[in-house]
């Protein structure tokens, strides 16, 4: 029994890993490993928008937001030369 139970535990662990690791791979949960879907999305990133600011969306819907929502206009925090911060609408 002392030699059988570790072997049974190892087999159960391998079976569980065979079910969990593919899901982790597709969800990009393994550090340093990227799925083909990750590289497909990474190739669609446009890096020429750096002068237009960042429009944040908490959800990845596949089509990025290209215009700032009206409720966000003028809310950017700007650092002042003399120190401190002001809203863009206060400038």
N, C-alpha and C. Protein backbone atom coordinates (compact mmCIF):
# COMPACT_ATOMS: atom_id res chain seq x y z
N UNK A 1 0.81 -1.19 0.00
CA UNK A 1 0.00 0.00 0.00
C UNK A 1 0.86 1.26 0.00
N UNK A 2 2.05 1.19 0.65
CA UNK A 2 2.92 2.36 0.73
C UNK A 2 3.49 2.74 -0.62
N UNK A 3 3.60 1.80 -1.53
CA UNK A 3 4.15 2.09 -2.85
C UNK A 3 3.05 2.32 -3.88
N UNK A 4 1.88 1.82 -3.62
CA UNK A 4 0.78 1.94 -4.57
C UNK A 4 0.13 3.32 -4.53
N UNK A 5 -0.09 3.86 -3.37
CA UNK A 5 -0.79 5.14 -3.25
C UNK A 5 -0.03 6.32 -3.87
N UNK A 6 1.30 6.42 -3.72
CA UNK A 6 1.99 7.51 -4.43
C UNK A 6 1.88 7.38 -5.95
N UNK A 7 1.87 6.17 -6.44
CA UNK A 7 1.71 5.96 -7.88
C UNK A 7 0.31 6.37 -8.34
N UNK A 8 -0.70 6.02 -7.55
CA UNK A 8 -2.07 6.42 -7.87
C UNK A 8 -2.20 7.95 -7.82
N UNK A 9 -1.59 8.57 -6.83
CA UNK A 9 -1.60 10.04 -6.75
C UNK A 9 -0.91 10.68 -7.92
N UNK A 10 0.21 10.08 -8.36
CA UNK A 10 0.91 10.60 -9.54
C UNK A 10 0.09 10.48 -10.80
N UNK A 11 -0.60 9.38 -10.97
CA UNK A 11 -1.47 9.19 -12.15
C UNK A 11 -2.62 10.19 -12.12
N UNK A 12 -3.22 10.39 -10.97
CA UNK A 12 -4.31 11.37 -10.86
C UNK A 12 -3.78 12.78 -11.13
N UNK A 13 -2.59 13.09 -10.63
CA UNK A 13 -1.98 14.40 -10.89
C UNK A 13 -1.70 14.61 -12.36
N UNK A 14 -1.19 13.60 -13.05
CA UNK A 14 -0.95 13.71 -14.50
C UNK A 14 -2.26 13.88 -15.27
N UNK A 15 -3.28 13.16 -14.86
CA UNK A 15 -4.58 13.31 -15.53
C UNK A 15 -5.12 14.73 -15.34
N UNK A 16 -5.03 15.24 -14.10
CA UNK A 16 -5.51 16.61 -13.83
C UNK A 16 -4.70 17.63 -14.62
N UNK A 17 -3.39 17.43 -14.68
CA UNK A 17 -2.55 18.36 -15.44
C UNK A 17 -2.90 18.33 -16.92
N UNK A 18 -3.25 17.16 -17.45
CA UNK A 18 -3.60 17.06 -18.87
C UNK A 18 -4.90 17.80 -19.18
N UNK A 19 -5.74 17.99 -18.17
CA UNK A 19 -6.98 18.74 -18.36
C UNK A 19 -6.79 20.24 -18.09
N UNK A 20 -5.92 20.61 -17.16
CA UNK A 20 -5.77 22.00 -16.73
C UNK A 20 -4.78 22.77 -17.59
N UNK A 21 -3.65 22.16 -17.96
CA UNK A 21 -2.60 22.88 -18.68
C UNK A 21 -3.06 23.41 -20.04
N UNK A 22 -3.83 22.66 -20.84
CA UNK A 22 -4.30 23.26 -22.11
C UNK A 22 -5.17 24.50 -21.91
N UNK A 23 -5.99 24.50 -20.87
CA UNK A 23 -6.81 25.67 -20.59
C UNK A 23 -5.93 26.84 -20.17
N UNK A 24 -4.94 26.57 -19.33
CA UNK A 24 -4.02 27.62 -18.92
C UNK A 24 -3.25 28.17 -20.12
N UNK A 25 -2.90 27.33 -21.07
CA UNK A 25 -2.18 27.76 -22.26
C UNK A 25 -3.02 28.70 -23.10
N UNK A 26 -4.28 28.35 -23.33
CA UNK A 26 -5.15 29.19 -24.17
C UNK A 26 -5.56 30.48 -23.47
N UNK A 27 -5.59 30.48 -22.16
CA UNK A 27 -5.92 31.69 -21.40
C UNK A 27 -4.70 32.53 -21.07
N UNK A 28 -3.52 32.13 -21.56
CA UNK A 28 -2.24 32.82 -21.33
C UNK A 28 -1.93 32.96 -19.84
N UNK A 29 -2.13 31.90 -19.09
CA UNK A 29 -1.87 31.91 -17.65
C UNK A 29 -0.51 31.35 -17.28
N UNK A 30 0.23 30.83 -18.26
CA UNK A 30 1.55 30.26 -17.99
C UNK A 30 2.58 31.36 -18.25
N UNK A 31 3.33 31.78 -17.23
CA UNK A 31 4.30 32.87 -17.43
C UNK A 31 5.36 32.51 -18.46
N UNK A 32 5.60 33.44 -19.38
CA UNK A 32 6.63 33.24 -20.40
C UNK A 32 6.17 32.44 -21.60
N UNK A 33 4.94 31.97 -21.61
CA UNK A 33 4.42 31.18 -22.73
C UNK A 33 3.20 31.91 -23.29
N UNK A 34 3.19 32.14 -24.59
CA UNK A 34 2.06 32.84 -25.23
C UNK A 34 1.40 31.92 -26.25
N UNK A 35 0.08 31.92 -26.27
CA UNK A 35 -0.67 31.09 -27.20
C UNK A 35 -0.69 31.74 -28.58
N UNK A 36 -1.06 31.01 -29.61
CA UNK A 36 -1.19 31.60 -30.95
C UNK A 36 -2.21 32.75 -30.98
N UNK A 37 -3.24 32.67 -30.16
CA UNK A 37 -4.22 33.76 -30.12
C UNK A 37 -3.59 35.03 -29.57
N UNK A 38 -2.65 34.90 -28.63
CA UNK A 38 -1.94 36.06 -28.10
C UNK A 38 -1.14 36.74 -29.20
N UNK A 39 -0.40 35.96 -29.97
CA UNK A 39 0.42 36.55 -31.03
C UNK A 39 -0.44 37.15 -32.12
N UNK A 40 -1.59 36.55 -32.40
CA UNK A 40 -2.52 37.12 -33.39
C UNK A 40 -3.01 38.49 -32.94
N UNK A 41 -3.38 38.62 -31.67
CA UNK A 41 -3.83 39.91 -31.14
C UNK A 41 -2.67 40.90 -31.06
N UNK A 42 -1.48 40.43 -30.70
CA UNK A 42 -0.32 41.32 -30.57
C UNK A 42 0.07 41.92 -31.93
N UNK A 43 -0.14 41.18 -32.99
CA UNK A 43 0.18 41.71 -34.32
C UNK A 43 -0.80 42.77 -34.79
N UNK A 44 -1.96 42.86 -34.15
CA UNK A 44 -2.96 43.86 -34.53
C UNK A 44 -2.81 45.17 -33.76
N UNK A 45 -1.90 45.24 -32.79
CA UNK A 45 -1.71 46.45 -32.00
C UNK A 45 -1.11 47.54 -32.88
N UNK A 46 -1.73 48.70 -32.86
CA UNK A 46 -1.21 49.84 -33.61
C UNK A 46 -0.43 50.73 -32.65
N UNK A 47 0.83 50.90 -32.94
CA UNK A 47 1.70 51.68 -32.06
C UNK A 47 1.81 53.13 -32.50
N UNK A 48 1.04 53.55 -33.50
CA UNK A 48 1.14 54.92 -33.98
C UNK A 48 0.13 55.85 -33.31
N UNK A 49 -0.52 55.41 -32.25
CA UNK A 49 -1.49 56.25 -31.54
C UNK A 49 -0.89 56.92 -30.31
N UNK A 50 0.44 56.91 -30.17
CA UNK A 50 1.04 57.41 -28.93
C UNK A 50 0.86 58.91 -28.77
N UNK A 51 0.62 59.66 -29.83
CA UNK A 51 0.43 61.10 -29.71
C UNK A 51 -1.02 61.46 -29.43
N UNK A 52 -1.92 60.51 -29.54
CA UNK A 52 -3.34 60.79 -29.38
C UNK A 52 -3.87 60.43 -28.00
N UNK A 53 -3.01 59.96 -27.12
CA UNK A 53 -3.45 59.59 -25.78
C UNK A 53 -3.99 58.18 -25.73
N UNK A 54 -4.39 57.77 -24.55
CA UNK A 54 -4.87 56.41 -24.33
C UNK A 54 -6.35 56.47 -24.00
N UNK A 55 -7.13 55.66 -24.68
CA UNK A 55 -8.54 55.51 -24.36
C UNK A 55 -8.68 54.13 -23.72
N UNK A 56 -9.00 54.10 -22.43
CA UNK A 56 -9.04 52.86 -21.68
C UNK A 56 -10.41 52.22 -21.75
N UNK A 57 -10.41 50.93 -21.99
CA UNK A 57 -11.65 50.16 -21.94
C UNK A 57 -11.38 48.93 -21.07
N UNK A 58 -12.20 48.69 -20.05
CA UNK A 58 -11.93 47.56 -19.17
C UNK A 58 -12.22 46.21 -19.81
N UNK A 59 -12.90 46.18 -20.94
CA UNK A 59 -13.25 44.93 -21.59
C UNK A 59 -12.65 44.89 -22.98
N UNK A 60 -12.08 43.72 -23.35
CA UNK A 60 -11.54 43.53 -24.69
C UNK A 60 -12.64 42.96 -25.56
N UNK A 61 -13.27 43.82 -26.35
CA UNK A 61 -14.37 43.38 -27.21
C UNK A 61 -13.90 43.00 -28.59
N UNK A 62 -12.61 43.14 -28.86
CA UNK A 62 -12.08 42.81 -30.17
C UNK A 62 -11.90 44.03 -31.05
N UNK A 63 -12.74 45.03 -30.87
CA UNK A 63 -12.63 46.26 -31.64
C UNK A 63 -12.34 47.39 -30.66
N UNK A 64 -11.11 47.94 -30.68
CA UNK A 64 -10.76 48.94 -29.67
C UNK A 64 -11.52 50.24 -29.85
N UNK A 65 -11.70 50.95 -28.75
CA UNK A 65 -12.35 52.26 -28.78
C UNK A 65 -11.38 53.25 -29.42
N UNK A 66 -11.82 53.95 -30.45
CA UNK A 66 -10.95 54.87 -31.16
C UNK A 66 -11.24 56.34 -30.83
N UNK A 67 -12.32 56.58 -30.11
CA UNK A 67 -12.67 57.95 -29.73
C UNK A 67 -12.90 57.99 -28.22
N UNK A 68 -12.56 59.12 -27.66
CA UNK A 68 -12.74 59.28 -26.22
C UNK A 68 -14.22 59.47 -25.90
N UNK A 69 -14.74 58.76 -24.91
CA UNK A 69 -16.13 58.97 -24.51
C UNK A 69 -16.32 60.40 -24.00
N UNK A 70 -17.48 61.03 -24.26
CA UNK A 70 -17.68 62.42 -23.86
C UNK A 70 -17.57 62.65 -22.36
N UNK A 71 -17.91 61.67 -21.55
CA UNK A 71 -17.83 61.87 -20.10
C UNK A 71 -16.38 61.86 -19.60
N UNK A 72 -15.43 61.49 -20.44
CA UNK A 72 -14.01 61.48 -20.06
C UNK A 72 -13.25 62.71 -20.56
N UNK A 73 -13.85 63.51 -21.39
CA UNK A 73 -13.14 64.66 -21.97
C UNK A 73 -12.77 65.66 -20.88
N UNK A 74 -11.53 66.14 -20.92
CA UNK A 74 -11.05 67.14 -19.97
C UNK A 74 -10.73 66.59 -18.59
N UNK A 75 -10.62 65.28 -18.41
CA UNK A 75 -10.38 64.69 -17.10
C UNK A 75 -8.93 64.25 -16.91
N UNK A 76 -8.05 64.51 -17.89
CA UNK A 76 -6.67 64.08 -17.78
C UNK A 76 -5.93 64.92 -16.75
N UNK A 77 -5.17 64.25 -15.87
CA UNK A 77 -4.37 64.94 -14.86
C UNK A 77 -3.05 65.35 -15.49
N UNK A 78 -2.70 66.62 -15.38
CA UNK A 78 -1.46 67.14 -15.95
C UNK A 78 -0.55 67.60 -14.82
N UNK A 79 0.71 67.21 -14.93
CA UNK A 79 1.69 67.62 -13.92
C UNK A 79 2.18 69.03 -14.26
N UNK A 80 2.24 69.87 -13.26
CA UNK A 80 2.67 71.26 -13.44
C UNK A 80 4.18 71.37 -13.30
N UNK A 81 4.77 72.36 -13.96
CA UNK A 81 6.22 72.56 -13.88
C UNK A 81 6.67 72.86 -12.46
N UNK A 82 5.90 73.61 -11.72
CA UNK A 82 6.26 73.97 -10.36
C UNK A 82 5.89 72.91 -9.35
N UNK A 83 5.37 71.81 -9.79
CA UNK A 83 4.92 70.73 -8.88
C UNK A 83 3.42 70.76 -8.74
N UNK A 84 2.87 69.68 -8.40
CA UNK A 84 1.42 69.57 -8.25
C UNK A 84 0.76 69.07 -9.52
N UNK A 85 -0.54 68.89 -9.40
CA UNK A 85 -1.33 68.32 -10.51
C UNK A 85 -2.58 69.15 -10.72
N UNK A 86 -3.02 69.27 -11.97
CA UNK A 86 -4.27 69.94 -12.31
C UNK A 86 -5.01 69.14 -13.38
N UNK A 87 -6.32 69.27 -13.35
CA UNK A 87 -7.12 68.66 -14.41
C UNK A 87 -6.93 69.45 -15.70
N UNK A 88 -7.05 68.75 -16.80
CA UNK A 88 -6.92 69.41 -18.10
C UNK A 88 -7.99 70.47 -18.27
N UNK A 89 -9.17 70.28 -17.71
CA UNK A 89 -10.25 71.26 -17.85
C UNK A 89 -9.97 72.53 -17.07
N UNK A 90 -9.05 72.51 -16.09
CA UNK A 90 -8.70 73.68 -15.31
C UNK A 90 -7.63 74.54 -15.97
N UNK A 91 -7.05 74.05 -17.03
CA UNK A 91 -5.95 74.79 -17.70
C UNK A 91 -6.49 75.86 -18.63
